[in-house]
Amino acid sequence: MGEQPGDVKTLLEHVTKALVDVPDQVSVEAIDEDCETVFELTVAESDLGKVIGKSGRTARALRTLLSAAGVKAGKRFALEILE
């Protein structure tokens, strides 16, 4: 019944692609760890600031989105933004 990590990965990709100037360079990799799934987000170097946002607000919003999806799925999701 809950969302699978693949669904959350697709959601994260779509939201991130809408934020950046170079959507072709957005990639999300899901890594299953002990009790959570970590999503590693990679974007173009020029878009890194847009994904992080002023004072980290955009990154915090993306993490909140993952947290809400995790509650619905009964799992823990984390976001790492790679440089």
Protein backbone atom coordinates (compact mmCIF):
# COMPACT_ATOMS: atom_id res chain seq x y z
CA MET A 1 0.00 0.00 0.00
CA GLY A 2 2.84 2.42 0.83
CA GLU A 3 5.01 4.18 -1.67
CA GLN A 4 8.03 2.31 -2.92
CA PRO A 5 11.44 4.01 -2.91
CA GLY A 6 11.24 4.11 -6.74
CA ASP A 7 8.11 6.27 -6.57
CA VAL A 8 9.80 8.64 -4.14
CA LYS A 9 12.89 8.70 -6.35
CA THR A 10 10.76 9.70 -9.34
CA LEU A 11 9.04 12.40 -7.28
CA LEU A 12 12.40 13.80 -6.17
CA GLU A 13 13.69 13.79 -9.77
CA HIS A 14 10.63 15.64 -11.09
CA VAL A 15 10.73 18.31 -8.38
CA THR A 16 14.48 18.85 -8.79
CA LYS A 17 14.29 19.03 -12.59
CA ALA A 18 11.68 21.79 -12.24
CA LEU A 19 14.08 23.82 -10.06
CA VAL A 20 17.28 23.69 -12.12
CA ASP A 21 18.48 25.19 -15.42
CA VAL A 22 20.07 21.93 -16.70
CA PRO A 23 17.50 19.19 -15.99
CA ASP A 24 19.41 16.65 -18.09
CA GLN A 25 22.17 16.52 -15.46
CA VAL A 26 19.84 15.69 -12.56
CA SER A 27 20.33 12.18 -11.25
CA VAL A 28 19.01 10.48 -8.13
CA GLU A 29 20.40 7.25 -6.77
CA ALA A 30 18.60 5.34 -4.02
CA ILE A 31 20.83 3.51 -1.55
CA ASP A 32 19.25 1.19 1.01
CA GLU A 33 20.99 1.34 4.36
CA ASP A 34 20.11 -0.33 7.67
CA CYS A 35 16.82 1.33 8.52
CA GLU A 36 16.48 4.01 5.86
CA THR A 37 16.81 4.76 2.17
CA VAL A 38 19.30 7.49 1.28
CA PHE A 39 18.73 9.41 -1.93
CA GLU A 40 21.91 10.86 -3.43
CA LEU A 41 21.05 13.85 -5.60
CA THR A 42 23.52 15.06 -8.22
CA VAL A 43 22.98 18.22 -10.28
CA ALA A 44 25.10 20.40 -12.54
CA GLU A 45 27.62 22.50 -10.63
CA SER A 46 25.90 25.70 -11.78
CA ASP A 47 22.58 24.47 -10.32
CA LEU A 48 23.93 23.47 -6.91
CA GLY A 49 22.97 26.81 -5.37
CA LYS A 50 19.43 26.56 -6.67
CA VAL A 51 18.95 23.12 -5.15
CA ILE A 52 20.38 24.19 -1.80
CA GLY A 53 18.63 27.55 -1.79
CA LYS A 54 19.15 30.63 0.35
CA SER A 55 20.18 29.51 3.84
CA GLY A 56 19.42 25.92 2.78
CA ARG A 57 15.68 26.48 2.53
CA THR A 58 15.17 24.58 -0.72
CA ALA A 59 17.21 21.61 0.53
CA ARG A 60 15.22 21.66 3.77
CA ALA A 61 11.97 21.69 1.78
CA LEU A 62 13.12 18.69 -0.28
CA ARG A 63 14.00 16.83 2.93
CA THR A 64 10.58 17.70 4.38
CA LEU A 65 8.96 16.31 1.24
CA LEU A 66 10.93 13.06 1.63
CA SER A 67 10.03 12.90 5.30
CA ALA A 68 6.32 13.23 4.50
CA ALA A 69 6.59 10.51 1.85
CA GLY A 70 8.41 8.35 4.38
CA VAL A 71 5.65 8.72 6.94
CA LYS A 72 3.11 7.66 4.34
CA ALA A 73 5.26 4.68 3.32
CA GLY A 74 6.22 3.75 6.86
CA LYS A 75 9.93 4.15 6.02
CA ARG A 76 12.72 6.64 6.62
CA PHE A 77 14.14 8.58 3.70
CA ALA A 78 17.21 10.84 3.76
CA LEU A 79 18.62 13.22 1.16
CA GLU A 80 22.28 13.85 0.37
CA ILE A 81 23.13 16.52 -2.17
CA LEU A 82 26.42 15.62 -3.83
CA GLU A 83 28.79 18.19 -5.30
